[in-house]
Amino acid sequence: MDGPRAIPPLDRPVVSPVLVGRGPALAALERVLAQVCAGRGPTVVLTGEAGIGKSRLAAEMAARAERRGQRPPHRSRTPRLPAPAGA
C-alpha cells in the first residue's frame, strides 16, 4: 500500500469528466446552444427515468454555455406529473 487514499468530500456531487453514449444528445443540444448564442432558440426539457444522466447532461451543457460566455440555462426539478388522459 502507498498510504491512505484520499476520500472525496461528501458535501458535493461527484461529476464524471466523461459522458458515455451521449453523442447524439450532445450534438442536438450543441445546435440549440448555437441558436441561443445567436439570440434565439427553443426551450429544452430533459426527461427520462431516474439515474440515466439528465442532470449530468444539463451540467455539461451549462459548462459549455459558460465557456461561450453565455449565462448557464435555468435548471428546474419539476416533480413528475401524470400524463393527461388520452396522451
N, C-alpha and C. Protein backbone atom coordinates (compact mmCIF):
# COMPACT_ATOMS: atom_id res chain seq x y z
N MET A 1 0.83 -1.18 0.00
CA MET A 1 0.00 0.00 0.00
C MET A 1 0.87 1.24 0.00
N ASP A 2 0.36 2.27 -0.65
CA ASP A 2 1.07 3.54 -0.73
C ASP A 2 0.62 4.53 0.33
N GLY A 3 -0.18 4.13 1.26
CA GLY A 3 -0.69 5.04 2.27
C GLY A 3 -2.19 5.19 2.12
N PRO A 4 -2.78 5.98 2.99
CA PRO A 4 -4.24 6.13 2.94
C PRO A 4 -4.68 6.84 1.67
N ARG A 5 -5.80 6.39 1.14
CA ARG A 5 -6.37 7.02 -0.05
C ARG A 5 -7.19 8.22 0.36
N ALA A 6 -7.14 9.24 -0.46
CA ALA A 6 -7.95 10.43 -0.19
C ALA A 6 -9.42 10.10 -0.42
N ILE A 7 -10.25 10.52 0.49
CA ILE A 7 -11.68 10.30 0.38
C ILE A 7 -12.29 11.60 -0.14
N PRO A 8 -13.04 11.51 -1.24
CA PRO A 8 -13.63 12.74 -1.78
C PRO A 8 -14.65 13.30 -0.80
N PRO A 9 -14.80 14.62 -0.79
CA PRO A 9 -15.79 15.22 0.11
C PRO A 9 -17.19 14.77 -0.25
N LEU A 10 -18.01 14.58 0.75
CA LEU A 10 -19.36 14.08 0.52
C LEU A 10 -20.40 15.20 0.45
N ASP A 11 -19.95 16.45 0.56
CA ASP A 11 -20.89 17.56 0.56
C ASP A 11 -21.12 18.14 -0.83
N ARG A 12 -20.55 17.54 -1.85
CA ARG A 12 -20.79 18.00 -3.22
C ARG A 12 -20.87 16.78 -4.14
N PRO A 13 -21.62 16.91 -5.23
CA PRO A 13 -21.79 15.76 -6.12
C PRO A 13 -20.50 15.43 -6.86
N VAL A 14 -20.35 14.17 -7.17
CA VAL A 14 -19.22 13.72 -7.97
C VAL A 14 -19.67 13.75 -9.43
N VAL A 15 -18.90 14.44 -10.25
CA VAL A 15 -19.25 14.56 -11.67
C VAL A 15 -18.14 13.93 -12.49
N SER A 16 -18.51 12.96 -13.28
CA SER A 16 -17.55 12.30 -14.15
C SER A 16 -17.17 13.23 -15.29
N PRO A 17 -15.89 13.29 -15.64
CA PRO A 17 -15.49 14.12 -16.77
C PRO A 17 -15.84 13.49 -18.12
N VAL A 18 -16.32 12.27 -18.10
CA VAL A 18 -16.61 11.55 -19.34
C VAL A 18 -18.11 11.33 -19.48
N LEU A 19 -18.64 11.66 -20.64
CA LEU A 19 -20.03 11.36 -20.96
C LEU A 19 -20.03 10.19 -21.92
N VAL A 20 -20.65 9.11 -21.54
CA VAL A 20 -20.64 7.91 -22.37
C VAL A 20 -21.98 7.77 -23.07
N GLY A 21 -21.94 7.56 -24.38
CA GLY A 21 -23.15 7.31 -25.14
C GLY A 21 -24.05 8.52 -25.30
N ARG A 22 -23.50 9.70 -25.20
CA ARG A 22 -24.31 10.92 -25.29
C ARG A 22 -24.04 11.73 -26.54
N GLY A 23 -23.35 11.16 -27.51
CA GLY A 23 -23.01 11.88 -28.73
C GLY A 23 -24.20 12.52 -29.42
N PRO A 24 -25.26 11.76 -29.73
CA PRO A 24 -26.41 12.35 -30.41
C PRO A 24 -27.10 13.45 -29.57
N ALA A 25 -27.25 13.22 -28.28
CA ALA A 25 -27.89 14.23 -27.42
C ALA A 25 -27.04 15.49 -27.34
N LEU A 26 -25.73 15.32 -27.19
CA LEU A 26 -24.84 16.48 -27.13
C LEU A 26 -24.86 17.25 -28.45
N ALA A 27 -24.89 16.55 -29.57
CA ALA A 27 -24.92 17.22 -30.87
C ALA A 27 -26.20 18.04 -31.01
N ALA A 28 -27.33 17.49 -30.60
CA ALA A 28 -28.60 18.21 -30.68
C ALA A 28 -28.58 19.43 -29.77
N LEU A 29 -28.06 19.26 -28.56
CA LEU A 29 -28.01 20.38 -27.62
C LEU A 29 -26.99 21.43 -28.05
N GLU A 30 -25.92 21.02 -28.72
CA GLU A 30 -24.96 21.98 -29.25
C GLU A 30 -25.62 22.86 -30.31
N ARG A 31 -26.49 22.27 -31.14
CA ARG A 31 -27.21 23.05 -32.15
C ARG A 31 -28.12 24.08 -31.47
N VAL A 32 -28.79 23.66 -30.41
CA VAL A 32 -29.65 24.59 -29.66
C VAL A 32 -28.80 25.69 -29.03
N LEU A 33 -27.65 25.33 -28.46
CA LEU A 33 -26.77 26.32 -27.84
C LEU A 33 -26.30 27.34 -28.87
N ALA A 34 -26.00 26.89 -30.08
CA ALA A 34 -25.60 27.82 -31.14
C ALA A 34 -26.72 28.80 -31.45
N GLN A 35 -27.96 28.31 -31.46
CA GLN A 35 -29.11 29.19 -31.69
C GLN A 35 -29.24 30.20 -30.57
N VAL A 36 -29.07 29.74 -29.33
CA VAL A 36 -29.17 30.63 -28.17
C VAL A 36 -28.09 31.70 -28.24
N CYS A 37 -26.88 31.32 -28.61
CA CYS A 37 -25.78 32.28 -28.72
C CYS A 37 -26.07 33.31 -29.81
N ALA A 38 -26.89 32.94 -30.78
CA ALA A 38 -27.26 33.86 -31.86
C ALA A 38 -28.51 34.68 -31.50
N GLY A 39 -29.01 34.52 -30.28
CA GLY A 39 -30.13 35.32 -29.82
C GLY A 39 -31.50 34.70 -30.00
N ARG A 40 -31.55 33.44 -30.33
CA ARG A 40 -32.84 32.76 -30.47
C ARG A 40 -32.64 31.30 -30.03
N GLY A 41 -33.70 30.57 -29.93
CA GLY A 41 -33.58 29.17 -29.57
C GLY A 41 -34.78 28.70 -28.79
N PRO A 42 -35.02 27.40 -28.83
CA PRO A 42 -36.19 26.83 -28.16
C PRO A 42 -35.93 26.56 -26.68
N THR A 43 -36.98 26.21 -26.00
CA THR A 43 -36.87 25.69 -24.64
C THR A 43 -36.58 24.20 -24.75
N VAL A 44 -35.70 23.71 -23.91
CA VAL A 44 -35.34 22.29 -23.93
C VAL A 44 -35.76 21.68 -22.60
N VAL A 45 -36.41 20.54 -22.67
CA VAL A 45 -36.80 19.80 -21.48
C VAL A 45 -36.17 18.43 -21.56
N LEU A 46 -35.39 18.08 -20.55
CA LEU A 46 -34.78 16.74 -20.49
C LEU A 46 -35.67 15.87 -19.62
N THR A 47 -36.12 14.78 -20.17
CA THR A 47 -36.99 13.87 -19.41
C THR A 47 -36.43 12.46 -19.51
N GLY A 48 -36.82 11.63 -18.58
CA GLY A 48 -36.40 10.24 -18.61
C GLY A 48 -36.42 9.64 -17.22
N GLU A 49 -36.14 8.37 -17.16
CA GLU A 49 -36.12 7.66 -15.90
C GLU A 49 -35.02 8.18 -14.99
N ALA A 50 -35.20 7.98 -13.71
CA ALA A 50 -34.20 8.38 -12.72
C ALA A 50 -32.89 7.65 -12.97
N GLY A 51 -31.79 8.39 -12.87
CA GLY A 51 -30.47 7.77 -12.95
C GLY A 51 -29.89 7.62 -14.34
N ILE A 52 -30.54 8.17 -15.37
CA ILE A 52 -30.00 7.99 -16.72
C ILE A 52 -29.04 9.09 -17.14
N GLY A 53 -28.88 10.13 -16.29
CA GLY A 53 -27.88 11.15 -16.58
C GLY A 53 -28.42 12.48 -17.06
N LYS A 54 -29.68 12.77 -16.77
CA LYS A 54 -30.25 14.06 -17.19
C LYS A 54 -29.51 15.22 -16.53
N SER A 55 -29.28 15.13 -15.25
CA SER A 55 -28.58 16.21 -14.52
C SER A 55 -27.16 16.36 -15.02
N ARG A 56 -26.49 15.27 -15.30
CA ARG A 56 -25.11 15.33 -15.80
C ARG A 56 -25.08 15.97 -17.18
N LEU A 57 -26.03 15.64 -18.02
CA LEU A 57 -26.11 16.22 -19.35
C LEU A 57 -26.38 17.72 -19.25
N ALA A 58 -27.29 18.12 -18.36
CA ALA A 58 -27.58 19.54 -18.17
C ALA A 58 -26.35 20.27 -17.64
N ALA A 59 -25.61 19.65 -16.73
CA ALA A 59 -24.39 20.28 -16.18
C ALA A 59 -23.35 20.46 -17.27
N GLU A 60 -23.22 19.49 -18.15
CA GLU A 60 -22.26 19.59 -19.26
C GLU A 60 -22.63 20.74 -20.18
N MET A 61 -23.90 20.87 -20.51
CA MET A 61 -24.32 21.94 -21.40
C MET A 61 -24.19 23.30 -20.72
N ALA A 62 -24.43 23.38 -19.42
CA ALA A 62 -24.24 24.64 -18.70
C ALA A 62 -22.77 25.06 -18.74
N ALA A 63 -21.87 24.09 -18.58
CA ALA A 63 -20.43 24.38 -18.64
C ALA A 63 -20.04 24.85 -20.05
N ARG A 64 -20.60 24.21 -21.06
CA ARG A 64 -20.30 24.62 -22.44
C ARG A 64 -20.83 26.03 -22.73
N ALA A 65 -22.00 26.34 -22.19
CA ALA A 65 -22.57 27.68 -22.37
C ALA A 65 -21.68 28.71 -21.69
N GLU A 66 -21.21 28.42 -20.48
CA GLU A 66 -20.32 29.35 -19.77
C GLU A 66 -19.03 29.58 -20.55
N ARG A 67 -18.48 28.52 -21.14
CA ARG A 67 -17.24 28.67 -21.92
C ARG A 67 -17.46 29.57 -23.14
N ARG A 68 -18.69 29.67 -23.61
CA ARG A 68 -19.01 30.54 -24.75
C ARG A 68 -19.46 31.93 -24.28
N GLY A 69 -19.35 32.18 -22.99
CA GLY A 69 -19.73 33.48 -22.47
C GLY A 69 -21.21 33.66 -22.24
N GLN A 70 -21.95 32.58 -22.25
CA GLN A 70 -23.39 32.63 -22.02
C GLN A 70 -23.68 32.31 -20.55
N ARG A 71 -24.75 32.90 -20.06
CA ARG A 71 -25.18 32.57 -18.71
C ARG A 71 -25.74 31.16 -18.73
N PRO A 72 -25.42 30.35 -17.73
CA PRO A 72 -25.96 28.98 -17.73
C PRO A 72 -27.49 29.01 -17.77
N PRO A 73 -28.07 28.02 -18.44
CA PRO A 73 -29.52 27.97 -18.53
C PRO A 73 -30.16 27.72 -17.16
N HIS A 74 -31.40 28.11 -17.05
CA HIS A 74 -32.16 27.85 -15.83
C HIS A 74 -32.40 26.36 -15.70
N ARG A 75 -32.20 25.85 -14.50
CA ARG A 75 -32.45 24.42 -14.26
C ARG A 75 -33.55 24.30 -13.23
N SER A 76 -34.46 23.40 -13.47
CA SER A 76 -35.57 23.19 -12.56
C SER A 76 -35.79 21.70 -12.40
N ARG A 77 -36.17 21.32 -11.22
CA ARG A 77 -36.51 19.92 -10.98
C ARG A 77 -38.01 19.85 -10.72
N THR A 78 -38.73 19.67 -11.79
CA THR A 78 -40.18 19.61 -11.70
C THR A 78 -40.59 18.19 -11.32
N PRO A 79 -41.47 18.06 -10.35
CA PRO A 79 -41.90 16.70 -9.99
C PRO A 79 -42.63 16.05 -11.16
N ARG A 80 -42.54 14.75 -11.21
CA ARG A 80 -43.20 14.02 -12.28
C ARG A 80 -44.70 14.16 -12.13
N LEU A 81 -45.34 14.56 -13.20
CA LEU A 81 -46.78 14.71 -13.20
C LEU A 81 -47.40 13.60 -14.06
N PRO A 82 -48.61 13.19 -13.71
CA PRO A 82 -49.23 12.16 -14.55
C PRO A 82 -49.57 12.70 -15.93
N ALA A 83 -49.50 11.83 -16.92
CA ALA A 83 -49.85 12.23 -18.29
C ALA A 83 -51.34 12.47 -18.37
N PRO A 84 -51.76 13.45 -19.17
CA PRO A 84 -53.20 13.69 -19.33
C PRO A 84 -53.86 12.47 -19.95
N ALA A 85 -55.13 12.30 -19.66
CA ALA A 85 -55.89 11.18 -20.21
C ALA A 85 -55.87 11.25 -21.73
N GLY A 86 -55.62 10.14 -22.37
CA GLY A 86 -55.58 10.07 -23.82
C GLY A 86 -54.26 10.47 -24.43
N ALA A 87 -53.27 10.76 -23.59
CA ALA A 87 -51.95 11.19 -24.13
C ALA A 87 -51.14 10.01 -24.55
